[in-house]
Amino acid sequence: MADNTAPFFGPETSPAMMQQMSTVLMQCSVPVAIASNEAETTTDFRAKLTKISTPTLVIHGDRDVSMPLVLTGKPTAELIPGCQLKVYHEAPHGLIYTHMDLLHTDLLQFIRT
């Protein structure tokens, strides 16, 4: 977990924020974390994505090192009919913390439309 903290947040995130969020993330039990990771990395959802018929928004950071945009966010958005893809400039995987205000704005705008 410690090795992945800096890439998850990015260098502009304060050490205090990284420590606080790492503490929260570490509250997940190890067996649950392992099972979740295994399900996320071994399940192929591509066929199901093409059947989504509700408005969909995919938000992804262009500095996500654990799940690069070109390998995950972009192909996912392309498979969902009518999907809107928003790419956050210089956003890491932990953009829910580092780009919180922009994320909230975009989510509210998407919900209202």
PDB file of N, CA and C in Angstrom:
ATOM      1  N   MET A   1       0.833  -1.188   0.000  1.00  0.00           N
ATOM      2  CA  MET A   1       0.000   0.000   0.000  1.00  0.00           C
ATOM      3  C   MET A   1       0.874   1.248   0.000  1.00  0.00           C
ATOM      4  N   ALA A   2       1.901   1.235   0.819  1.00  0.00           N
ATOM      5  CA  ALA A   2       2.780   2.409   0.916  1.00  0.00           C
ATOM      6  C   ALA A   2       3.444   2.721  -0.419  1.00  0.00           C
ATOM      7  N   ASP A   3       3.828   1.684  -1.160  1.00  0.00           N
ATOM      8  CA  ASP A   3       4.479   1.891  -2.456  1.00  0.00           C
ATOM      9  C   ASP A   3       3.547   2.521  -3.486  1.00  0.00           C
ATOM     10  N   ASN A   4       2.256   2.336  -3.315  1.00  0.00           N
ATOM     11  CA  ASN A   4       1.295   2.844  -4.290  1.00  0.00           C
ATOM     12  C   ASN A   4       0.658   4.168  -3.898  1.00  0.00           C
ATOM     13  N   THR A   5       0.968   4.672  -2.725  1.00  0.00           N
ATOM     14  CA  THR A   5       0.332   5.900  -2.255  1.00  0.00           C
ATOM     15  C   THR A   5       0.678   7.091  -3.137  1.00  0.00           C
ATOM     16  N   ALA A   6       1.943   7.338  -3.381  1.00  0.00           N
ATOM     17  CA  ALA A   6       2.343   8.506  -4.180  1.00  0.00           C
ATOM     18  C   ALA A   6       1.781   8.456  -5.603  1.00  0.00           C
ATOM     19  N   PRO A   7       1.873   7.322  -6.327  1.00  0.00           N
ATOM     20  CA  PRO A   7       1.283   7.287  -7.672  1.00  0.00           C
ATOM     21  C   PRO A   7      -0.239   7.432  -7.665  1.00  0.00           C
ATOM     22  N   PHE A   8      -0.902   6.950  -6.623  1.00  0.00           N
ATOM     23  CA  PHE A   8      -2.356   7.045  -6.532  1.00  0.00           C
ATOM     24  C   PHE A   8      -2.802   8.499  -6.482  1.00  0.00           C
ATOM     25  N   PHE A   9      -2.060   9.331  -5.740  1.00  0.00           N
ATOM     26  CA  PHE A   9      -2.433  10.725  -5.553  1.00  0.00           C
ATOM     27  C   PHE A   9      -1.700  11.690  -6.474  1.00  0.00           C
ATOM     28  N   GLY A  10      -0.450  11.451  -6.768  1.00  0.00           N
ATOM     29  CA  GLY A  10       0.353  12.373  -7.566  1.00  0.00           C
ATOM     30  C   GLY A  10       1.185  13.277  -6.678  1.00  0.00           C
ATOM     31  N   PRO A  11       2.240  13.850  -7.237  1.00  0.00           N
ATOM     32  CA  PRO A  11       3.206  14.612  -6.442  1.00  0.00           C
ATOM     33  C   PRO A  11       2.682  15.919  -5.854  1.00  0.00           C
ATOM     34  N   GLU A  12       1.616  16.488  -6.429  1.00  0.00           N
ATOM     35  CA  GLU A  12       1.115  17.769  -5.923  1.00  0.00           C
ATOM     36  C   GLU A  12       0.245  17.612  -4.676  1.00  0.00           C
ATOM     37  N   THR A  13      -0.080  16.380  -4.303  1.00  0.00           N
ATOM     38  CA  THR A  13      -0.922  16.136  -3.132  1.00  0.00           C
ATOM     39  C   THR A  13      -0.085  16.238  -1.862  1.00  0.00           C
ATOM     40  N   SER A  14      -0.627  16.906  -0.879  1.00  0.00           N
ATOM     41  CA  SER A  14       0.118  17.099   0.368  1.00  0.00           C
ATOM     42  C   SER A  14       0.334  15.771   1.082  1.00  0.00           C
ATOM     43  N   PRO A  15       1.465  15.639   1.781  1.00  0.00           N
ATOM     44  CA  PRO A  15       1.723  14.420   2.558  1.00  0.00           C
ATOM     45  C   PRO A  15       0.612  14.137   3.574  1.00  0.00           C
ATOM     46  N   ALA A  16       0.041  15.189   4.152  1.00  0.00           N
ATOM     47  CA  ALA A  16      -1.032  15.004   5.136  1.00  0.00           C
ATOM     48  C   ALA A  16      -2.259  14.360   4.486  1.00  0.00           C
ATOM     49  N   MET A  17      -2.627  14.827   3.295  1.00  0.00           N
ATOM     50  CA  MET A  17      -3.771  14.255   2.581  1.00  0.00           C
ATOM     51  C   MET A  17      -3.495  12.801   2.219  1.00  0.00           C
ATOM     52  N   MET A  18      -2.295  12.524   1.729  1.00  0.00           N
ATOM     53  CA  MET A  18      -1.950  11.148   1.369  1.00  0.00           C
ATOM     54  C   MET A  18      -2.024  10.236   2.585  1.00  0.00           C
ATOM     55  N   GLN A  19      -1.521  10.697   3.714  1.00  0.00           N
ATOM     56  CA  GLN A  19      -1.540   9.894   4.942  1.00  0.00           C
ATOM     57  C   GLN A  19      -2.970   9.641   5.400  1.00  0.00           C
ATOM     58  N   GLN A  20      -3.787  10.678   5.394  1.00  0.00           N
ATOM     59  CA  GLN A  20      -5.175  10.538   5.844  1.00  0.00           C
ATOM     60  C   GLN A  20      -5.947   9.556   4.967  1.00  0.00           C
ATOM     61  N   MET A  21      -5.839   9.708   3.672  1.00  0.00           N
ATOM     62  CA  MET A  21      -6.586   8.836   2.765  1.00  0.00           C
ATOM     63  C   MET A  21      -6.035   7.418   2.769  1.00  0.00           C
ATOM     64  N   SER A  22      -4.735   7.260   2.923  1.00  0.00           N
ATOM     65  CA  SER A  22      -4.150   5.922   3.011  1.00  0.00           C
ATOM     66  C   SER A  22      -4.666   5.197   4.240  1.00  0.00           C
ATOM     67  N   THR A  23      -4.818   5.931   5.332  1.00  0.00           N
ATOM     68  CA  THR A  23      -5.354   5.340   6.560  1.00  0.00           C
ATOM     69  C   THR A  23      -6.780   4.844   6.332  1.00  0.00           C
ATOM     70  N   VAL A  24      -7.581   5.633   5.646  1.00  0.00           N
ATOM     71  CA  VAL A  24      -8.961   5.233   5.339  1.00  0.00           C
ATOM     72  C   VAL A  24      -8.961   3.997   4.437  1.00  0.00           C
ATOM     73  N   LEU A  25      -8.138   4.014   3.395  1.00  0.00           N
ATOM     74  CA  LEU A  25      -8.094   2.895   2.460  1.00  0.00           C
ATOM     75  C   LEU A  25      -7.605   1.610   3.123  1.00  0.00           C
ATOM     76  N   MET A  26      -6.744   1.733   4.114  1.00  0.00           N
ATOM     77  CA  MET A  26      -6.179   0.556   4.781  1.00  0.00           C
ATOM     78  C   MET A  26      -7.175  -0.078   5.751  1.00  0.00           C
ATOM     79  N   GLN A  27      -8.324   0.523   5.962  1.00  0.00           N
ATOM     80  CA  GLN A  27      -9.314  -0.054   6.854  1.00  0.00           C
ATOM     81  C   GLN A  27     -10.046  -1.238   6.218  1.00  0.00           C
ATOM     82  N   CYS A  28      -9.862  -1.415   4.935  1.00  0.00           N
ATOM     83  CA  CYS A  28     -10.444  -2.564   4.244  1.00  0.00           C
ATOM     84  C   CYS A  28      -9.650  -3.811   4.643  1.00  0.00           C
ATOM     85  N   SER A  29     -10.365  -4.908   4.905  1.00  0.00           N
ATOM     86  CA  SER A  29      -9.662  -6.136   5.287  1.00  0.00           C
ATOM     87  C   SER A  29      -8.856  -6.666   4.100  1.00  0.00           C
ATOM     88  N   VAL A  30      -7.759  -7.325   4.387  1.00  0.00           N
ATOM     89  CA  VAL A  30      -6.886  -7.847   3.327  1.00  0.00           C
ATOM     90  C   VAL A  30      -7.613  -8.856   2.438  1.00  0.00           C
ATOM     91  N   PRO A  31      -8.360  -9.813   2.984  1.00  0.00           N
ATOM     92  CA  PRO A  31      -9.070 -10.750   2.089  1.00  0.00           C
ATOM     93  C   PRO A  31     -10.062 -10.048   1.156  1.00  0.00           C
ATOM     94  N   VAL A  32     -10.752  -9.034   1.654  1.00  0.00           N
ATOM     95  CA  VAL A  32     -11.701  -8.304   0.807  1.00  0.00           C
ATOM     96  C   VAL A  32     -10.960  -7.519  -0.271  1.00  0.00           C
ATOM     97  N   ALA A  33      -9.856  -6.879   0.092  1.00  0.00           N
ATOM     98  CA  ALA A  33      -9.060  -6.132  -0.883  1.00  0.00           C
ATOM     99  C   ALA A  33      -8.530  -7.054  -1.976  1.00  0.00           C
ATOM    100  N   ILE A  34      -8.061  -8.228  -1.602  1.00  0.00           N
ATOM    101  CA  ILE A  34      -7.540  -9.186  -2.574  1.00  0.00           C
ATOM    102  C   ILE A  34      -8.657  -9.691  -3.488  1.00  0.00           C
ATOM    103  N   ALA A  35      -9.805 -10.036  -2.907  1.00  0.00           N
ATOM    104  CA  ALA A  35     -10.931 -10.530  -3.707  1.00  0.00           C
ATOM    105  C   ALA A  35     -11.438  -9.456  -4.664  1.00  0.00           C
ATOM    106  N   SER A  36     -11.495  -8.228  -4.196  1.00  0.00           N
ATOM    107  CA  SER A  36     -11.939  -7.122  -5.045  1.00  0.00           C
ATOM    108  C   SER A  36     -10.976  -6.916  -6.203  1.00  0.00           C
ATOM    109  N   ASN A  37      -9.689  -6.891  -5.899  1.00  0.00           N
ATOM    110  CA  ASN A  37      -8.685  -6.716  -6.950  1.00  0.00           C
ATOM    111  C   ASN A  37      -8.744  -7.849  -7.957  1.00  0.00           C
ATOM    112  N   GLU A  38      -8.908  -9.060  -7.486  1.00  0.00           N
ATOM    113  CA  GLU A  38      -8.972 -10.206  -8.394  1.00  0.00           C
ATOM    114  C   GLU A  38     -10.188 -10.092  -9.317  1.00  0.00           C
ATOM    115  N   ALA A  39     -11.338  -9.728  -8.754  1.00  0.00           N
ATOM    116  CA  ALA A  39     -12.545  -9.590  -9.575  1.00  0.00           C
ATOM    117  C   ALA A  39     -12.382  -8.480 -10.611  1.00  0.00           C
ATOM    118  N   GLU A  40     -11.782  -7.369 -10.208  1.00  0.00           N
ATOM    119  CA  GLU A  40     -11.605  -6.234 -11.113  1.00  0.00           C
ATOM    120  C   GLU A  40     -10.634  -6.539 -12.242  1.00  0.00           C
ATOM    121  N   THR A  41      -9.630  -7.348 -11.974  1.00  0.00           N
ATOM    122  CA  THR A  41      -8.584  -7.570 -12.970  1.00  0.00           C
ATOM    123  C   THR A  41      -8.788  -8.827 -13.819  1.00  0.00           C
ATOM    124  N   THR A  42      -9.756  -9.674 -13.462  1.00  0.00           N
ATOM    125  CA  THR A  42      -9.946 -10.905 -14.235  1.00  0.00           C
ATOM    126  C   THR A  42     -11.302 -10.992 -14.923  1.00  0.00           C
ATOM    127  N   THR A  43     -12.212 -10.077 -14.630  1.00  0.00           N
ATOM    128  CA  THR A  43     -13.540 -10.126 -15.229  1.00  0.00           C
ATOM    129  C   THR A  43     -13.569  -9.271 -16.498  1.00  0.00           C
ATOM    130  N   ASP A  44     -14.071  -9.837 -17.561  1.00  0.00           N
ATOM    131  CA  ASP A  44     -14.169  -9.132 -18.837  1.00  0.00           C
ATOM    132  C   ASP A  44     -15.600  -8.589 -18.994  1.00  0.00           C
ATOM    133  N   PHE A  45     -15.740  -7.283 -18.869  1.00  0.00           N
ATOM    134  CA  PHE A  45     -17.042  -6.642 -18.934  1.00  0.00           C
ATOM    135  C   PHE A  45     -17.370  -6.073 -20.314  1.00  0.00           C
ATOM    136  N   ARG A  46     -16.498  -6.265 -21.295  1.00  0.00           N
ATOM    137  CA  ARG A  46     -16.682  -5.601 -22.585  1.00  0.00           C
ATOM    138  C   ARG A  46     -18.030  -5.876 -23.242  1.00  0.00           C
ATOM    139  N   ALA A  47     -18.476  -7.109 -23.252  1.00  0.00           N
ATOM    140  CA  ALA A  47     -19.760  -7.426 -23.892  1.00  0.00           C
ATOM    141  C   ALA A  47     -20.920  -6.749 -23.168  1.00  0.00           C
ATOM    142  N   LYS A  48     -20.830  -6.638 -21.866  1.00  0.00           N
ATOM    143  CA  LYS A  48     -21.905  -6.006 -21.089  1.00  0.00           C
ATOM    144  C   LYS A  48     -21.923  -4.492 -21.295  1.00  0.00           C
ATOM    145  N   LEU A  49     -20.756  -3.894 -21.499  1.00  0.00           N
ATOM    146  CA  LEU A  49     -20.702  -2.445 -21.691  1.00  0.00           C
ATOM    147  C   LEU A  49     -21.479  -2.009 -22.922  1.00  0.00           C
ATOM    148  N   THR A  50     -21.466  -2.805 -23.963  1.00  0.00           N
ATOM    149  CA  THR A  50     -22.166  -2.445 -25.205  1.00  0.00           C
ATOM    150  C   THR A  50     -23.685  -2.460 -25.050  1.00  0.00           C
ATOM    151  N   LYS A  51     -24.169  -3.054 -23.980  1.00  0.00           N
ATOM    152  CA  LYS A  51     -25.614  -3.162 -23.754  1.00  0.00           C
ATOM    153  C   LYS A  51     -26.155  -2.078 -22.818  1.00  0.00           C
ATOM    154  N   ILE A  52     -25.291  -1.225 -22.296  1.00  0.00           N
ATOM    155  CA  ILE A  52     -25.745  -0.152 -21.404  1.00  0.00           C
ATOM    156  C   ILE A  52     -26.558   0.847 -22.213  1.00  0.00           C
ATOM    157  N   SER A  53     -27.755   1.158 -21.714  1.00  0.00           N
ATOM    158  CA  SER A  53     -28.635   2.064 -22.456  1.00  0.00           C
ATOM    159  C   SER A  53     -28.987   3.325 -21.672  1.00  0.00           C
ATOM    160  N   THR A  54     -28.410   3.516 -20.522  1.00  0.00           N
ATOM    161  CA  THR A  54     -28.659   4.722 -19.732  1.00  0.00           C
ATOM    162  C   THR A  54     -27.518   5.715 -19.958  1.00  0.00           C
ATOM    163  N   PRO A  55     -27.794   7.003 -19.789  1.00  0.00           N
ATOM    164  CA  PRO A  55     -26.726   7.994 -19.943  1.00  0.00           C
ATOM    165  C   PRO A  55     -25.541   7.648 -19.014  1.00  0.00           C
ATOM    166  N   THR A  56     -24.364   7.715 -19.572  1.00  0.00           N
ATOM    167  CA  THR A  56     -23.179   7.288 -18.835  1.00  0.00           C
ATOM    168  C   THR A  56     -22.063   8.320 -18.977  1.00  0.00           C
ATOM    169  N   LEU A  57     -21.391   8.559 -17.859  1.00  0.00           N
ATOM    170  CA  LEU A  57     -20.248   9.459 -17.817  1.00  0.00           C
ATOM    171  C   LEU A  57     -19.051   8.688 -17.277  1.00  0.00           C
ATOM    172  N   VAL A  58     -17.965   8.699 -18.014  1.00  0.00           N
ATOM    173  CA  VAL A  58     -16.707   8.119 -17.553  1.00  0.00           C
ATOM    174  C   VAL A  58     -15.748   9.277 -17.320  1.00  0.00           C
ATOM    175  N   ILE A  59     -15.189   9.333 -16.121  1.00  0.00           N
ATOM    176  CA  ILE A  59     -14.215  10.368 -15.776  1.00  0.00           C
ATOM    177  C   ILE A  59     -12.898   9.675 -15.468  1.00  0.00           C
ATOM    178  N   HIS A  60     -11.837  10.183 -16.090  1.00  0.00           N
ATOM    179  CA  HIS A  60     -10.542   9.519 -15.949  1.00  0.00           C
ATOM    180  C   HIS A  60      -9.430  10.568 -15.955  1.00  0.00           C
ATOM    181  N   GLY A  61      -8.393  10.317 -15.189  1.00  0.00           N
ATOM    182  CA  GLY A  61      -7.237  11.203 -15.175  1.00  0.00           C
ATOM    183  C   GLY A  61      -6.203  10.779 -16.204  1.00  0.00           C
ATOM    184  N   ASP A  62      -5.565  11.762 -16.824  1.00  0.00           N
ATOM    185  CA  ASP A  62      -4.547  11.423 -17.832  1.00  0.00           C
ATOM    186  C   ASP A  62      -3.196  11.067 -17.205  1.00  0.00           C
ATOM    187  N   ARG A  63      -3.098  11.139 -15.865  1.00  0.00           N
ATOM    188  CA  ARG A  63      -1.873  10.724 -15.176  1.00  0.00           C
ATOM    189  C   ARG A  63      -2.116   9.519 -14.270  1.00  0.00           C
ATOM    190  N   ASP A  64      -3.129   8.728 -14.588  1.00  0.00           N
ATOM    191  CA  ASP A  64      -3.434   7.526 -13.816  1.00  0.00           C
ATOM    192  C   ASP A  64      -2.432   6.444 -14.208  1.00  0.00           C
ATOM    193  N   VAL A  65      -1.496   6.151 -13.323  1.00  0.00           N
ATOM    194  CA  VAL A  65      -0.468   5.161 -13.642  1.00  0.00           C
ATOM    195  C   VAL A  65      -0.908   3.736 -13.351  1.00  0.00           C
ATOM    196  N   SER A  66      -1.885   3.554 -12.457  1.00  0.00           N
ATOM    197  CA  SER A  66      -2.314   2.201 -12.137  1.00  0.00           C
ATOM    198  C   SER A  66      -3.334   1.672 -13.151  1.00  0.00           C
ATOM    199  N   MET A  67      -4.091   2.569 -13.756  1.00  0.00           N
ATOM    200  CA  MET A  67      -5.065   2.185 -14.785  1.00  0.00           C
ATOM    201  C   MET A  67      -5.011   3.235 -15.897  1.00  0.00           C
ATOM    202  N   PRO A  68      -4.012   3.136 -16.764  1.00  0.00           N
ATOM    203  CA  PRO A  68      -3.816   4.169 -17.792  1.00  0.00           C
ATOM    204  C   PRO A  68      -5.066   4.402 -18.655  1.00  0.00           C
ATOM    205  N   LEU A  69      -5.288   5.660 -18.961  1.00  0.00           N
ATOM    206  CA  LEU A  69      -6.438   6.097 -19.755  1.00  0.00           C
ATOM    207  C   LEU A  69      -6.581   5.306 -21.047  1.00  0.00           C
ATOM    208  N   VAL A  70      -5.505   5.120 -21.779  1.00  0.00           N
ATOM    209  CA  VAL A  70      -5.585   4.452 -23.085  1.00  0.00           C
ATOM    210  C   VAL A  70      -5.939   2.972 -22.960  1.00  0.00           C
ATOM    211  N   LEU A  71      -5.693   2.382 -21.789  1.00  0.00           N
ATOM    212  CA  LEU A  71      -5.989   0.963 -21.599  1.00  0.00           C
ATOM    213  C   LEU A  71      -7.326   0.715 -20.915  1.00  0.00           C
ATOM    214  N   THR A  72      -7.864   1.717 -20.214  1.00  0.00           N
ATOM    215  CA  THR A  72      -9.070   1.483 -19.421  1.00  0.00           C
ATOM    216  C   THR A  72     -10.186   2.485 -19.720  1.00  0.00           C
ATOM    217  N   GLY A  73     -10.006   3.730 -19.364  1.00  0.00           N
ATOM    218  CA  GLY A  73     -11.066   4.726 -19.497  1.00  0.00           C
ATOM    219  C   GLY A  73     -11.538   4.944 -20.919  1.00  0.00           C
ATOM    220  N   LYS A  74     -10.591   5.111 -21.830  1.00  0.00           N
ATOM    221  CA  LYS A  74     -10.957   5.383 -23.225  1.00  0.00           C
ATOM    222  C   LYS A  74     -11.667   4.191 -23.872  1.00  0.00           C
ATOM    223  N   PRO A  75     -11.129   2.974 -23.781  1.00  0.00           N
ATOM    224  CA  PRO A  75     -11.848   1.833 -24.366  1.00  0.00           C
ATOM    225  C   PRO A  75     -13.210   1.588 -23.721  1.00  0.00           C
ATOM    226  N   THR A  76     -13.311   1.822 -22.414  1.00  0.00           N
ATOM    227  CA  THR A  76     -14.592   1.648 -21.736  1.00  0.00           C
ATOM    228  C   THR A  76     -15.617   2.620 -22.299  1.00  0.00           C
ATOM    229  N   ALA A  77     -15.253   3.878 -22.394  1.00  0.00           N
ATOM    230  CA  ALA A  77     -16.168   4.896 -22.918  1.00  0.00           C
ATOM    231  C   ALA A  77     -16.566   4.601 -24.360  1.00  0.00           C
ATOM    232  N   GLU A  78     -15.646   4.080 -25.147  1.00  0.00           N
ATOM    233  CA  GLU A  78     -15.935   3.777 -26.550  1.00  0.00           C
ATOM    234  C   GLU A  78     -16.928   2.628 -26.699  1.00  0.00           C
ATOM    235  N   LEU A  79     -16.969   1.723 -25.738  1.00  0.00           N
ATOM    236  CA  LEU A  79     -17.869   0.583 -25.814  1.00  0.00           C
ATOM    237  C   LEU A  79     -19.295   0.900 -25.361  1.00  0.00           C
ATOM    238  N   ILE A  80     -19.478   1.945 -24.575  1.00  0.00           N
ATOM    239  CA  ILE A  80     -20.797   2.301 -24.058  1.00  0.00           C
ATOM    240  C   ILE A  80     -21.467   3.269 -25.035  1.00  0.00           C
ATOM    241  N   PRO A  81     -22.590   2.870 -25.605  1.00  0.00           N
ATOM    242  CA  PRO A  81     -23.267   3.746 -26.567  1.00  0.00           C
ATOM    243  C   PRO A  81     -23.593   5.117 -25.960  1.00  0.00           C
ATOM    244  N   GLY A  82     -23.196   6.182 -26.665  1.00  0.00           N
ATOM    245  CA  GLY A  82     -23.499   7.541 -26.239  1.00  0.00           C
ATOM    246  C   GLY A  82     -22.766   8.000 -24.985  1.00  0.00           C
ATOM    247  N   CYS A  83     -21.780   7.280 -24.562  1.00  0.00           N
ATOM    248  CA  CYS A  83     -21.044   7.625 -23.343  1.00  0.00           C
ATOM    249  C   CYS A  83     -20.296   8.950 -23.499  1.00  0.00           C
ATOM    250  N   GLN A  84     -20.274   9.706 -22.418  1.00  0.00           N
ATOM    251  CA  GLN A  84     -19.500  10.943 -22.378  1.00  0.00           C
ATOM    252  C   GLN A  84     -18.215  10.658 -21.591  1.00  0.00           C
ATOM    253  N   LEU A  85     -17.065  10.944 -22.175  1.00  0.00           N
ATOM    254  CA  LEU A  85     -15.770  10.757 -21.518  1.00  0.00           C
ATOM    255  C   LEU A  85     -15.196  12.116 -21.159  1.00  0.00           C
ATOM    256  N   LYS A  86     -14.861  12.291 -19.902  1.00  0.00           N
ATOM    257  CA  LYS A  86     -14.176  13.508 -19.445  1.00  0.00           C
ATOM    258  C   LYS A  86     -12.810  13.095 -18.950  1.00  0.00           C
ATOM    259  N   VAL A  87     -11.790  13.719 -19.496  1.00  0.00           N
ATOM    260  CA  VAL A  87     -10.420  13.435 -19.092  1.00  0.00           C
ATOM    261  C   VAL A  87      -9.893  14.631 -18.317  1.00  0.00           C
ATOM    262  N   TYR A  88      -9.452  14.380 -17.106  1.00  0.00           N
ATOM    263  CA  TYR A  88      -8.922  15.442 -16.262  1.00  0.00           C
ATOM    264  C   TYR A  88      -7.415  15.545 -16.474  1.00  0.00           C
ATOM    265  N   HIS A  89      -6.993  16.742 -16.865  1.00  0.00           N
ATOM    266  CA  HIS A  89      -5.586  17.026 -17.116  1.00  0.00           C
ATOM    267  C   HIS A  89      -4.780  16.879 -15.830  1.00  0.00           C
ATOM    268  N   GLU A  90      -3.718  16.115 -15.902  1.00  0.00           N
ATOM    269  CA  GLU A  90      -2.786  15.879 -14.790  1.00  0.00           C
ATOM    270  C   GLU A  90      -3.451  15.262 -13.560  1.00  0.00           C
ATOM    271  N   ALA A  91      -4.529  14.517 -13.757  1.00  0.00           N
ATOM    272  CA  ALA A  91      -5.214  13.864 -12.643  1.00  0.00           C
ATOM    273  C   ALA A  91      -4.730  12.425 -12.491  1.00  0.00           C
ATOM    274  N   PRO A  92      -4.428  12.022 -11.256  1.00  0.00           N
ATOM    275  CA  PRO A  92      -4.011  10.647 -10.985  1.00  0.00           C
ATOM    276  C   PRO A  92      -5.218   9.740 -10.744  1.00  0.00           C
ATOM    277  N   HIS A  93      -4.965   8.513 -10.365  1.00  0.00           N
ATOM    278  CA  HIS A  93      -6.026   7.566 -10.056  1.00  0.00           C
ATOM    279  C   HIS A  93      -6.908   8.081  -8.916  1.00  0.00           C
ATOM    280  N   GLY A  94      -6.307   8.740  -7.964  1.00  0.00           N
ATOM    281  CA  GLY A  94      -7.040   9.267  -6.815  1.00  0.00           C
ATOM    282  C   GLY A  94      -7.676  10.615  -7.057  1.00  0.00           C
ATOM    283  N   LEU A  95      -8.164  10.847  -8.263  1.00  0.00           N
ATOM    284  CA  LEU A  95      -8.735  12.160  -8.600  1.00  0.00           C
ATOM    285  C   LEU A  95      -9.950  12.515  -7.753  1.00  0.00           C
ATOM    286  N   ILE A  96     -10.566  11.535  -7.117  1.00  0.00           N
ATOM    287  CA  ILE A  96     -11.689  11.857  -6.233  1.00  0.00           C
ATOM    288  C   ILE A  96     -11.238  12.708  -5.054  1.00  0.00           C
ATOM    289  N   TYR A  97      -9.946  12.672  -4.771  1.00  0.00           N
ATOM    290  CA  TYR A  97      -9.373  13.497  -3.702  1.00  0.00           C
ATOM    291  C   TYR A  97      -8.651  14.717  -4.264  1.00  0.00           C
ATOM    292  N   THR A  98      -7.892  14.512  -5.349  1.00  0.00           N
ATOM    293  CA  THR A  98      -7.056  15.597  -5.872  1.00  0.00           C
ATOM    294  C   THR A  98      -7.823  16.589  -6.741  1.00  0.00           C
ATOM    295  N   HIS A  99      -8.917  16.176  -7.330  1.00  0.00           N
ATOM    296  CA  HIS A  99      -9.719  17.031  -8.211  1.00  0.00           C
ATOM    297  C   HIS A  99     -11.184  17.043  -7.753  1.00  0.00           C
ATOM    298  N   MET A 100     -11.378  17.042  -6.466  1.00  0.00           N
ATOM    299  CA  MET A 100     -12.695  16.906  -5.855  1.00  0.00           C
ATOM    300  C   MET A 100     -13.701  17.955  -6.340  1.00  0.00           C
ATOM    301  N   ASP A 101     -13.305  19.207  -6.368  1.00  0.00           N
ATOM    302  CA  ASP A 101     -14.235  20.270  -6.770  1.00  0.00           C
ATOM    303  C   ASP A 101     -14.677  20.107  -8.229  1.00  0.00           C
ATOM    304  N   LEU A 102     -13.729  19.843  -9.113  1.00  0.00           N
ATOM    305  CA  LEU A 102     -14.066  19.639 -10.525  1.00  0.00           C
ATOM    306  C   LEU A 102     -14.956  18.412 -10.695  1.00  0.00           C
ATOM    307  N   LEU A 103     -14.644  17.360  -9.992  1.00  0.00           N
ATOM    308  CA  LEU A 103     -15.442  16.134 -10.064  1.00  0.00           C
ATOM    309  C   LEU A 103     -16.873  16.396  -9.613  1.00  0.00           C
ATOM    310  N   HIS A 104     -17.035  17.081  -8.493  1.00  0.00           N
ATOM    311  CA  HIS A 104     -18.383  17.385  -8.006  1.00  0.00           C
ATOM    312  C   HIS A 104     -19.151  18.243  -9.013  1.00  0.00           C
ATOM    313  N   THR A 105     -18.493  19.224  -9.579  1.00  0.00           N
ATOM    314  CA  THR A 105     -19.129  20.083 -10.580  1.00  0.00           C
ATOM    315  C   THR A 105     -19.585  19.267 -11.787  1.00  0.00           C
ATOM    316  N   ASP A 106     -18.706  18.423 -12.288  1.00  0.00           N
ATOM    317  CA  ASP A 106     -19.039  17.622 -13.463  1.00  0.00           C
ATOM    318  C   ASP A 106     -20.136  16.606 -13.171  1.00  0.00           C
ATOM    319  N   LEU A 107     -20.106  15.996 -12.007  1.00  0.00           N
ATOM    320  CA  LEU A 107     -21.150  15.033 -11.654  1.00  0.00           C
ATOM    321  C   LEU A 107     -22.518  15.712 -11.542  1.00  0.00           C
ATOM    322  N   LEU A 108     -22.540  16.861 -10.891  1.00  0.00           N
ATOM    323  CA  LEU A 108     -23.806  17.587 -10.773  1.00  0.00           C
ATOM    324  C   LEU A 108     -24.333  18.014 -12.132  1.00  0.00           C
ATOM    325  N   GLN A 109     -23.450  18.501 -12.990  1.00  0.00           N
ATOM    326  CA  GLN A 109     -23.855  18.918 -14.341  1.00  0.00           C
ATOM    327  C   GLN A 109     -24.406  17.717 -15.112  1.00  0.00           C
ATOM    328  N   PHE A 110     -23.752  16.588 -15.006  1.00  0.00           N
ATOM    329  CA  PHE A 110     -24.200  15.387 -15.728  1.00  0.00           C
ATOM    330  C   PHE A 110     -25.569  14.932 -15.220  1.00  0.00           C
ATOM    331  N   ILE A 111     -25.760  14.964 -13.912  1.00  0.00           N
ATOM    332  CA  ILE A 111     -27.038  14.538 -13.320  1.00  0.00           C
ATOM    333  C   ILE A 111     -28.168  15.451 -13.743  1.00  0.00           C
ATOM    334  N   ARG A 112     -27.871  16.742 -13.844  1.00  0.00           N
ATOM    335  CA  ARG A 112     -28.911  17.721 -14.181  1.00  0.00           C
ATOM    336  C   ARG A 112     -29.302  17.718 -15.644  1.00  0.00           C
ATOM    337  N   THR A 113     -28.493  17.126 -16.521  1.00  0.00           N
ATOM    338  CA  THR A 113     -28.792  17.143 -17.958  1.00  0.00           C
ATOM    339  C   THR A 113     -29.525  15.891 -18.400  1.00  0.00           C
TER     340      THR A 113
END
